[in-house]
């Protein structure tokens, strides 16, 4: 596995969340290409999101390695 692949960032979002879009825009402007999981469309991912957030139904959530950032620039509950 390449170093770049090993350090992939996953971002849990909802398409209608402005904070999710802002975070993605900032990351992409900085050259990152995160793996994006829209929990509005991919409902099977909600249980994993809840584990990461301690049960909070909020996006965006950024996961990079062992670092978890819950709503780092503001968030939308769902």
Foldseek 3Di string as FASTA:
>chain_A
DDPDVLFAKEKEAAPPKPLSVVVCVVCVVVVHDHHYHDCVVVVVCQVVVCVLVVRFQKDTWMDTPPDIDGSVPHIDGD
